[in-house]
PDB file of N, CA and C in Angstrom:
ATOM      1  N   MET A   1       1.096  -1.127   0.088  1.00  0.00           N
ATOM      2  CA  MET A   1       0.033   0.324   0.088  1.00  0.00           C
ATOM      3  C   MET A   1       0.918   1.209   0.010  1.00  0.00           C
ATOM      4  N   ASP A   2       1.804   1.527   1.103  1.00  0.00           N
ATOM      5  CA  ASP A   2       2.700   2.325   0.960  1.00  0.00           C
ATOM      6  C   ASP A   2       3.191   2.514  -0.404  1.00  0.00           C
ATOM      7  N   GLU A   3       3.870   1.851  -0.841  1.00  0.00           N
ATOM      8  CA  GLU A   3       4.411   2.013  -2.218  1.00  0.00           C
ATOM      9  C   GLU A   3       3.656   2.381  -3.186  1.00  0.00           C
ATOM     10  N   GLN A   4       2.031   2.032  -3.392  1.00  0.00           N
ATOM     11  CA  GLN A   4       1.428   3.082  -3.981  1.00  0.00           C
ATOM     12  C   GLN A   4       1.272   4.259  -3.753  1.00  0.00           C
ATOM     13  N   ILE A   5       1.367   4.716  -3.156  1.00  0.00           N
ATOM     14  CA  ILE A   5       1.329   5.931  -2.063  1.00  0.00           C
ATOM     15  C   ILE A   5       2.150   6.546  -2.782  1.00  0.00           C
ATOM     16  N   ILE A   6       3.199   6.181  -2.839  1.00  0.00           N
ATOM     17  CA  ILE A   6       4.862   6.576  -2.938  1.00  0.00           C
ATOM     18  C   ILE A   6       5.280   6.399  -4.466  1.00  0.00           C
ATOM     19  N   ARG A   7       4.520   5.978  -5.144  1.00  0.00           N
ATOM     20  CA  ARG A   7       4.366   5.775  -6.956  1.00  0.00           C
ATOM     21  C   ARG A   7       3.527   6.958  -7.138  1.00  0.00           C
ATOM     22  N   ILE A   8       2.159   7.409  -6.662  1.00  0.00           N
ATOM     23  CA  ILE A   8       1.180   8.410  -7.088  1.00  0.00           C
ATOM     24  C   ILE A   8       1.899   9.060  -6.752  1.00  0.00           C
ATOM     25  N   THR A   9       2.260   9.887  -5.684  1.00  0.00           N
ATOM     26  CA  THR A   9       3.040  11.116  -5.304  1.00  0.00           C
ATOM     27  C   THR A   9       4.097  11.404  -6.229  1.00  0.00           C
ATOM     28  N   ARG A  10       4.955  10.370  -6.656  1.00  0.00           N
ATOM     29  CA  ARG A  10       5.738  10.393  -7.637  1.00  0.00           C
ATOM     30  C   ARG A  10       5.411  10.984  -9.131  1.00  0.00           C
ATOM     31  N   ALA A  11       4.207  10.607  -9.256  1.00  0.00           N
ATOM     32  CA  ALA A  11       3.577  10.594 -10.450  1.00  0.00           C
ATOM     33  C   ALA A  11       3.267  12.081 -10.673  1.00  0.00           C
ATOM     34  N   LEU A  12       2.888  12.450  -9.573  1.00  0.00           N
ATOM     35  CA  LEU A  12       2.101  13.961  -9.613  1.00  0.00           C
ATOM     36  C   LEU A  12       3.045  15.193  -9.612  1.00  0.00           C
ATOM     37  N   ASN A  13       4.403  14.519  -9.380  1.00  0.00           N
ATOM     38  CA  ASN A  13       5.324  15.545  -9.065  1.00  0.00           C
ATOM     39  C   ASN A  13       6.063  16.130 -10.471  1.00  0.00           C
ATOM     40  N   HIS A  14       4.959  16.300 -11.331  1.00  0.00           N
ATOM     41  CA  HIS A  14       5.345  17.408 -12.638  1.00  0.00           C
ATOM     42  C   HIS A  14       4.292  18.045 -13.189  1.00  0.00           C
ATOM     43  N   PRO A  15       4.091  19.138 -13.252  1.00  0.00           N
ATOM     44  CA  PRO A  15       3.018  20.039 -13.894  1.00  0.00           C
ATOM     45  C   PRO A  15       2.235  19.413 -15.203  1.00  0.00           C
ATOM     46  N   ILE A  16       3.191  18.765 -16.322  1.00  0.00           N
ATOM     47  CA  ILE A  16       2.461  18.572 -17.220  1.00  0.00           C
ATOM     48  C   ILE A  16       1.448  16.611 -17.556  1.00  0.00           C
ATOM     49  N   ARG A  17       2.357  16.618 -15.943  1.00  0.00           N
ATOM     50  CA  ARG A  17       1.514  14.835 -15.612  1.00  0.00           C
ATOM     51  C   ARG A  17      -0.039  15.346 -14.794  1.00  0.00           C
ATOM     52  N   ILE A  18      -0.035  16.203 -14.182  1.00  0.00           N
ATOM     53  CA  ILE A  18      -1.067  16.925 -13.806  1.00  0.00           C
ATOM     54  C   ILE A  18      -2.012  17.623 -14.837  1.00  0.00           C
ATOM     55  N   GLN A  19      -1.678  18.309 -15.465  1.00  0.00           N
ATOM     56  CA  GLN A  19      -2.253  18.690 -16.563  1.00  0.00           C
ATOM     57  C   GLN A  19      -3.065  17.568 -17.660  1.00  0.00           C
ATOM     58  N   ILE A  20      -1.888  16.811 -17.663  1.00  0.00           N
ATOM     59  CA  ILE A  20      -2.518  15.403 -18.411  1.00  0.00           C
ATOM     60  C   ILE A  20      -3.739  14.917 -17.219  1.00  0.00           C
ATOM     61  N   LEU A  21      -3.876  14.809 -16.553  1.00  0.00           N
ATOM     62  CA  LEU A  21      -5.069  13.867 -15.888  1.00  0.00           C
ATOM     63  C   LEU A  21      -6.303  14.849 -15.809  1.00  0.00           C
ATOM     64  N   TYR A  22      -6.056  16.228 -15.431  1.00  0.00           N
ATOM     65  CA  TYR A  22      -6.991  16.741 -15.527  1.00  0.00           C
ATOM     66  C   TYR A  22      -7.919  17.004 -17.152  1.00  0.00           C
ATOM     67  N   TYR A  23      -6.977  17.047 -18.048  1.00  0.00           N
ATOM     68  CA  TYR A  23      -7.416  16.691 -19.428  1.00  0.00           C
ATOM     69  C   TYR A  23      -8.283  15.764 -19.858  1.00  0.00           C
ATOM     70  N   LEU A  24      -7.665  14.371 -19.628  1.00  0.00           N
ATOM     71  CA  LEU A  24      -8.313  13.527 -19.422  1.00  0.00           C
ATOM     72  C   LEU A  24      -9.484  13.129 -18.375  1.00  0.00           C
ATOM     73  N   ASN A  25      -9.436  13.990 -17.808  1.00  0.00           N
ATOM     74  CA  ASN A  25     -10.965  13.889 -16.629  1.00  0.00           C
ATOM     75  C   ASN A  25     -11.920  14.776 -17.338  1.00  0.00           C
ATOM     76  N   ASP A  26     -11.704  16.110 -18.443  1.00  0.00           N
ATOM     77  CA  ASP A  26     -12.253  16.910 -18.904  1.00  0.00           C
ATOM     78  C   ASP A  26     -12.938  16.428 -20.084  1.00  0.00           C
ATOM     79  N   ASN A  27     -11.839  15.465 -20.695  1.00  0.00           N
ATOM     80  CA  ASN A  27     -12.491  14.692 -22.213  1.00  0.00           C
ATOM     81  C   ASN A  27     -12.317  13.320 -22.452  1.00  0.00           C
ATOM     82  N   GLN A  28     -12.583  12.251 -21.238  1.00  0.00           N
ATOM     83  CA  GLN A  28     -12.634  10.722 -21.049  1.00  0.00           C
ATOM     84  C   GLN A  28     -11.608   9.974 -21.628  1.00  0.00           C
ATOM     85  N   LYS A  29     -10.861  10.735 -22.556  1.00  0.00           N
ATOM     86  CA  LYS A  29      -9.911   9.865 -23.143  1.00  0.00           C
ATOM     87  C   LYS A  29      -8.549  10.571 -24.636  1.00  0.00           C
ATOM     88  N   SER A  30      -7.749  10.443 -25.100  1.00  0.00           N
ATOM     89  CA  SER A  30      -7.465  11.060 -25.714  1.00  0.00           C
ATOM     90  C   SER A  30      -6.072  10.396 -26.466  1.00  0.00           C
ATOM     91  N   SER A  31      -5.674  10.836 -27.680  1.00  0.00           N
ATOM     92  CA  SER A  31      -4.616  10.112 -28.083  1.00  0.00           C
ATOM     93  C   SER A  31      -3.254  10.604 -28.330  1.00  0.00           C
ATOM     94  N   VAL A  32      -2.571   9.820 -27.688  1.00  0.00           N
ATOM     95  CA  VAL A  32      -0.821  10.860 -27.593  1.00  0.00           C
ATOM     96  C   VAL A  32      -0.632  11.664 -28.303  1.00  0.00           C
ATOM     97  N   ASN A  33      -0.780  11.411 -29.639  1.00  0.00           N
ATOM     98  CA  ASN A  33      -0.403  12.740 -30.998  1.00  0.00           C
ATOM     99  C   ASN A  33      -2.063  13.613 -30.339  1.00  0.00           C
ATOM    100  N   ASN A  34      -2.834  13.551 -29.945  1.00  0.00           N
ATOM    101  CA  ASN A  34      -3.782  14.659 -29.540  1.00  0.00           C
ATOM    102  C   ASN A  34      -2.876  15.531 -28.391  1.00  0.00           C
ATOM    103  N   LEU A  35      -2.576  14.502 -27.604  1.00  0.00           N
ATOM    104  CA  LEU A  35      -1.707  15.295 -25.901  1.00  0.00           C
ATOM    105  C   LEU A  35      -0.465  16.101 -26.830  1.00  0.00           C
ATOM    106  N   VAL A  36      -0.082  15.362 -27.316  1.00  0.00           N
ATOM    107  CA  VAL A  36       1.083  16.229 -28.437  1.00  0.00           C
ATOM    108  C   VAL A  36       1.390  17.536 -28.748  1.00  0.00           C
ATOM    109  N   LYS A  37      -0.400  17.709 -29.095  1.00  0.00           N
ATOM    110  CA  LYS A  37      -0.877  19.102 -29.813  1.00  0.00           C
ATOM    111  C   LYS A  37      -1.475  19.768 -28.448  1.00  0.00           C
ATOM    112  N   GLN A  38      -2.258  19.341 -27.761  1.00  0.00           N
ATOM    113  CA  GLN A  38      -2.571  20.170 -26.484  1.00  0.00           C
ATOM    114  C   GLN A  38      -1.597  20.609 -25.822  1.00  0.00           C
ATOM    115  N   PHE A  39      -0.541  20.230 -25.468  1.00  0.00           N
ATOM    116  CA  PHE A  39       0.318  20.391 -24.417  1.00  0.00           C
ATOM    117  C   PHE A  39       2.098  20.944 -25.106  1.00  0.00           C
ATOM    118  N   ASP A  40       2.056  21.083 -26.447  1.00  0.00           N
ATOM    119  CA  ASP A  40       2.942  21.232 -27.037  1.00  0.00           C
ATOM    120  C   ASP A  40       4.178  20.827 -26.215  1.00  0.00           C
ATOM    121  N   VAL A  41       4.731  19.782 -26.257  1.00  0.00           N
ATOM    122  CA  VAL A  41       5.452  19.142 -25.451  1.00  0.00           C
ATOM    123  C   VAL A  41       5.965  17.694 -26.855  1.00  0.00           C
ATOM    124  N   SER A  42       6.968  17.332 -26.855  1.00  0.00           N
ATOM    125  CA  SER A  42       6.979  16.375 -27.531  1.00  0.00           C
ATOM    126  C   SER A  42       7.007  15.206 -27.672  1.00  0.00           C
ATOM    127  N   GLN A  43       6.546  13.854 -28.843  1.00  0.00           N
ATOM    128  CA  GLN A  43       5.780  12.900 -28.585  1.00  0.00           C
ATOM    129  C   GLN A  43       6.892  11.857 -27.479  1.00  0.00           C
ATOM    130  N   PRO A  44       7.865  11.568 -27.881  1.00  0.00           N
ATOM    131  CA  PRO A  44       8.889  11.352 -26.773  1.00  0.00           C
ATOM    132  C   PRO A  44       8.331  11.773 -25.023  1.00  0.00           C
ATOM    133  N   ALA A  45       8.348  12.849 -24.438  1.00  0.00           N
ATOM    134  CA  ALA A  45       8.032  13.149 -23.746  1.00  0.00           C
ATOM    135  C   ALA A  45       6.479  13.159 -22.967  1.00  0.00           C
ATOM    136  N   ILE A  46       5.717  13.336 -23.761  1.00  0.00           N
ATOM    137  CA  ILE A  46       4.531  12.862 -23.662  1.00  0.00           C
ATOM    138  C   ILE A  46       4.258  11.529 -23.326  1.00  0.00           C
ATOM    139  N   SER A  47       4.880  10.749 -23.816  1.00  0.00           N
ATOM    140  CA  SER A  47       5.067   9.151 -23.933  1.00  0.00           C
ATOM    141  C   SER A  47       5.391   8.602 -22.271  1.00  0.00           C
ATOM    142  N   ARG A  48       6.715   9.249 -21.999  1.00  0.00           N
ATOM    143  CA  ARG A  48       7.175   9.230 -20.958  1.00  0.00           C
ATOM    144  C   ARG A  48       6.355   9.416 -19.421  1.00  0.00           C
ATOM    145  N   HIS A  49       5.862  10.849 -19.761  1.00  0.00           N
ATOM    146  CA  HIS A  49       4.880  11.214 -18.480  1.00  0.00           C
ATOM    147  C   HIS A  49       3.585  10.039 -18.797  1.00  0.00           C
ATOM    148  N   LEU A  50       3.117   9.329 -19.869  1.00  0.00           N
ATOM    149  CA  LEU A  50       1.847   8.698 -19.925  1.00  0.00           C
ATOM    150  C   LEU A  50       2.240   7.283 -18.903  1.00  0.00           C
ATOM    151  N   ARG A  51       3.961   7.191 -19.325  1.00  0.00           N
ATOM    152  CA  ARG A  51       4.388   5.475 -19.219  1.00  0.00           C
ATOM    153  C   ARG A  51       4.181   6.035 -17.341  1.00  0.00           C
ATOM    154  N   ILE A  52       4.734   6.842 -16.704  1.00  0.00           N
ATOM    155  CA  ILE A  52       4.469   6.846 -15.380  1.00  0.00           C
ATOM    156  C   ILE A  52       3.301   7.173 -14.735  1.00  0.00           C
ATOM    157  N   LEU A  53       2.195   8.025 -15.101  1.00  0.00           N
ATOM    158  CA  LEU A  53       1.068   7.662 -15.117  1.00  0.00           C
ATOM    159  C   LEU A  53       0.393   6.116 -14.867  1.00  0.00           C
ATOM    160  N   GLU A  54       0.812   6.148 -16.130  1.00  0.00           N
ATOM    161  CA  GLU A  54      -0.058   4.196 -16.105  1.00  0.00           C
ATOM    162  C   GLU A  54       0.780   3.534 -14.836  1.00  0.00           C
ATOM    163  N   GLU A  55       2.039   3.266 -14.857  1.00  0.00           N
ATOM    164  CA  GLU A  55       2.717   2.694 -13.511  1.00  0.00           C
ATOM    165  C   GLU A  55       1.950   2.704 -12.234  1.00  0.00           C
ATOM    166  N   ALA A  56       1.836   4.402 -11.996  1.00  0.00           N
ATOM    167  CA  ALA A  56       0.880   4.371 -10.870  1.00  0.00           C
ATOM    168  C   ALA A  56      -0.410   4.178 -10.825  1.00  0.00           C
ATOM    169  N   LYS A  57      -0.785   3.473 -12.262  1.00  0.00           N
ATOM    170  CA  LYS A  57      -2.219   3.227 -12.026  1.00  0.00           C
ATOM    171  C   LYS A  57      -3.368   4.422 -12.300  1.00  0.00           C
ATOM    172  N   LEU A  58      -2.630   5.348 -12.646  1.00  0.00           N
ATOM    173  CA  LEU A  58      -3.430   6.847 -12.990  1.00  0.00           C
ATOM    174  C   LEU A  58      -4.265   6.734 -13.718  1.00  0.00           C
ATOM    175  N   VAL A  59      -3.921   6.232 -14.627  1.00  0.00           N
ATOM    176  CA  VAL A  59      -4.503   6.100 -16.235  1.00  0.00           C
ATOM    177  C   VAL A  59      -4.181   4.869 -16.905  1.00  0.00           C
ATOM    178  N   LYS A  60      -5.030   4.845 -17.943  1.00  0.00           N
ATOM    179  CA  LYS A  60      -5.204   3.141 -18.814  1.00  0.00           C
ATOM    180  C   LYS A  60      -5.106   3.335 -20.021  1.00  0.00           C
ATOM    181  N   SER A  61      -4.324   2.083 -20.774  1.00  0.00           N
ATOM    182  CA  SER A  61      -4.596   2.337 -22.428  1.00  0.00           C
ATOM    183  C   SER A  61      -5.077   1.419 -23.088  1.00  0.00           C
ATOM    184  N   GLU A  62      -5.442   1.764 -24.317  1.00  0.00           N
ATOM    185  CA  GLU A  62      -5.924   0.795 -25.006  1.00  0.00           C
ATOM    186  C   GLU A  62      -5.929   1.364 -26.533  1.00  0.00           C
ATOM    187  N   ARG A  63      -5.393  -0.023 -27.480  1.00  0.00           N
ATOM    188  CA  ARG A  63      -4.863   0.195 -28.491  1.00  0.00           C
ATOM    189  C   ARG A  63      -5.821   0.583 -29.476  1.00  0.00           C
ATOM    190  N   VAL A  64      -5.987   1.291 -30.405  1.00  0.00           N
ATOM    191  CA  VAL A  64      -7.317   1.135 -31.394  1.00  0.00           C
ATOM    192  C   VAL A  64      -6.535   1.052 -33.020  1.00  0.00           C
ATOM    193  N   LYS A  65      -6.219   0.112 -33.743  1.00  0.00           N
ATOM    194  CA  LYS A  65      -5.796  -0.031 -34.799  1.00  0.00           C
ATOM    195  C   LYS A  65      -4.395   0.103 -34.604  1.00  0.00           C
ATOM    196  N   GLN A  66      -3.660   1.489 -35.218  1.00  0.00           N
ATOM    197  CA  GLN A  66      -2.609   2.056 -35.006  1.00  0.00           C
ATOM    198  C   GLN A  66      -2.282   3.218 -33.848  1.00  0.00           C
ATOM    199  N   GLU A  67      -3.363   3.531 -33.211  1.00  0.00           N
ATOM    200  CA  GLU A  67      -3.339   4.358 -32.108  1.00  0.00           C
ATOM    201  C   GLU A  67      -3.773   4.209 -30.691  1.00  0.00           C
ATOM    202  N   ARG A  68      -2.827   4.294 -29.583  1.00  0.00           N
ATOM    203  CA  ARG A  68      -3.061   4.081 -28.358  1.00  0.00           C
ATOM    204  C   ARG A  68      -4.029   5.299 -27.818  1.00  0.00           C
ATOM    205  N   TYR A  69      -5.146   4.963 -27.060  1.00  0.00           N
ATOM    206  CA  TYR A  69      -5.828   6.019 -26.634  1.00  0.00           C
ATOM    207  C   TYR A  69      -5.846   5.955 -24.980  1.00  0.00           C
ATOM    208  N   TYR A  70      -5.385   6.959 -24.007  1.00  0.00           N
ATOM    209  CA  TYR A  70      -5.370   7.026 -22.594  1.00  0.00           C
ATOM    210  C   TYR A  70      -6.978   7.955 -21.883  1.00  0.00           C
ATOM    211  N   SER A  71      -6.814   7.013 -21.132  1.00  0.00           N
ATOM    212  CA  SER A  71      -7.985   7.571 -19.911  1.00  0.00           C
ATOM    213  C   SER A  71      -7.677   7.431 -18.378  1.00  0.00           C
ATOM    214  N   LEU A  72      -8.217   8.019 -17.554  1.00  0.00           N
ATOM    215  CA  LEU A  72      -8.028   7.695 -16.439  1.00  0.00           C
ATOM    216  C   LEU A  72      -8.515   6.656 -15.885  1.00  0.00           C
ATOM    217  N   GLU A  73      -7.770   6.044 -15.155  1.00  0.00           N
ATOM    218  CA  GLU A  73      -8.235   4.545 -14.256  1.00  0.00           C
ATOM    219  C   GLU A  73      -8.536   4.719 -12.866  1.00  0.00           C
ATOM    220  N   ASP A  74      -8.161   5.791 -12.510  1.00  0.00           N
ATOM    221  CA  ASP A  74      -8.616   6.618 -11.024  1.00  0.00           C
ATOM    222  C   ASP A  74      -9.149   7.737 -10.377  1.00  0.00           C
ATOM    223  N   THR A  75     -10.426   8.205 -11.010  1.00  0.00           N
ATOM    224  CA  THR A  75     -10.718   9.272 -10.774  1.00  0.00           C
ATOM    225  C   THR A  75     -10.804   9.939  -9.280  1.00  0.00           C
ATOM    226  N   HIS A  76     -10.108   9.200  -8.513  1.00  0.00           N
ATOM    227  CA  HIS A  76      -9.889   9.573  -6.640  1.00  0.00           C
ATOM    228  C   HIS A  76      -8.908  10.682  -7.038  1.00  0.00           C
ATOM    229  N   VAL A  77      -7.823  10.388  -7.920  1.00  0.00           N
ATOM    230  CA  VAL A  77      -7.242  11.782  -7.850  1.00  0.00           C
ATOM    231  C   VAL A  77      -7.340  12.633  -8.407  1.00  0.00           C
ATOM    232  N   ILE A  78      -8.605  13.045  -9.110  1.00  0.00           N
ATOM    233  CA  ILE A  78      -9.077  14.287  -9.366  1.00  0.00           C
ATOM    234  C   ILE A  78      -9.506  14.955  -8.562  1.00  0.00           C
ATOM    235  N   LYS A  79     -10.224  14.690  -7.582  1.00  0.00           N
ATOM    236  CA  LYS A  79     -10.591  14.756  -5.817  1.00  0.00           C
ATOM    237  C   LYS A  79      -9.682  15.161  -4.784  1.00  0.00           C
ATOM    238  N   ILE A  80      -8.300  14.440  -4.997  1.00  0.00           N
ATOM    239  CA  ILE A  80      -7.163  15.078  -4.351  1.00  0.00           C
ATOM    240  C   ILE A  80      -6.484  15.800  -5.156  1.00  0.00           C
ATOM    241  N   LEU A  81      -6.343  16.170  -6.037  1.00  0.00           N
ATOM    242  CA  LEU A  81      -6.270  17.395  -6.911  1.00  0.00           C
ATOM    243  C   LEU A  81      -6.681  18.433  -6.121  1.00  0.00           C
ATOM    244  N   ASP A  82      -8.217  18.368  -6.771  1.00  0.00           N
ATOM    245  CA  ASP A  82      -9.339  19.278  -6.382  1.00  0.00           C
ATOM    246  C   ASP A  82      -9.018  20.366  -5.447  1.00  0.00           C
ATOM    247  N   VAL A  83      -8.260  19.288  -4.197  1.00  0.00           N
ATOM    248  CA  VAL A  83      -8.723  19.713  -2.976  1.00  0.00           C
ATOM    249  C   VAL A  83      -7.168  19.757  -2.451  1.00  0.00           C
ATOM    250  N   LEU A  84      -6.051  19.635  -3.128  1.00  0.00           N
ATOM    251  CA  LEU A  84      -4.865  20.442  -3.157  1.00  0.00           C
ATOM    252  C   LEU A  84      -5.010  21.739  -3.443  1.00  0.00           C
ATOM    253  N   ARG A  85      -5.797  22.393  -4.887  1.00  0.00           N
ATOM    254  CA  ARG A  85      -6.145  23.707  -5.226  1.00  0.00           C
ATOM    255  C   ARG A  85      -6.544  24.251  -4.353  1.00  0.00           C
ATOM    256  N   GLN A  86      -7.807  24.096  -3.721  1.00  0.00           N
ATOM    257  CA  GLN A  86      -8.660  24.302  -3.346  1.00  0.00           C
ATOM    258  C   GLN A  86      -7.869  25.066  -1.648  1.00  0.00           C
ATOM    259  N   HIS A  87      -6.884  24.066  -0.780  1.00  0.00           N
ATOM    260  CA  HIS A  87      -5.763  24.148   0.220  1.00  0.00           C
ATOM    261  C   HIS A  87      -5.250  25.193  -0.027  1.00  0.00           C
ATOM    262  N   VAL A  88      -4.548  25.759  -1.268  1.00  0.00           N
ATOM    263  CA  VAL A  88      -3.617  26.606  -1.778  1.00  0.00           C
ATOM    264  C   VAL A  88      -4.291  27.815  -2.328  1.00  0.00           C
ATOM    265  N   LYS A  89      -5.333  27.798  -2.371  1.00  0.00           N
ATOM    266  CA  LYS A  89      -6.494  29.082  -2.869  1.00  0.00           C
ATOM    267  C   LYS A  89      -6.851  29.753  -1.180  1.00  0.00           C
ATOM    268  N   GLU A  90      -7.447  28.656  -0.128  1.00  0.00           N
ATOM    269  CA  GLU A  90      -7.629  29.135   1.272  1.00  0.00           C
ATOM    270  C   GLU A  90      -5.739  29.628   1.790  1.00  0.00           C
ATOM    271  N   GLU A  91      -4.995  29.115   1.514  1.00  0.00           N
ATOM    272  CA  GLU A  91      -3.703  29.673   2.036  1.00  0.00           C
ATOM    273  C   GLU A  91      -3.302  30.764   1.504  1.00  0.00           C
ATOM    274  N   PHE A  92      -3.470  31.109   0.341  1.00  0.00           N
ATOM    275  CA  PHE A  92      -2.994  32.539  -0.265  1.00  0.00           C
ATOM    276  C   PHE A  92      -4.154  33.091  -0.583  1.00  0.00           C
TER     277      PHE A  92
END
């Protein structure tokens, strides 16, 4: 259990990964190519971020023909991020 918490907190330790999670929450799923366009980040970088999120079991992927699509595996993470955002707003 503690190892999973560590994986999740490490996965959340980058602003692009947090943005990807919110994007997937808002859009249900997305291809890698779409995420590259959305965040103006290289394809290898997006793939690396997605791999980290997938290893933390925050996102899941499915292959459709030649394209891989990602979606949230755990919507609880959005609730956690929302609580953190609210906390920061209240503090400052």
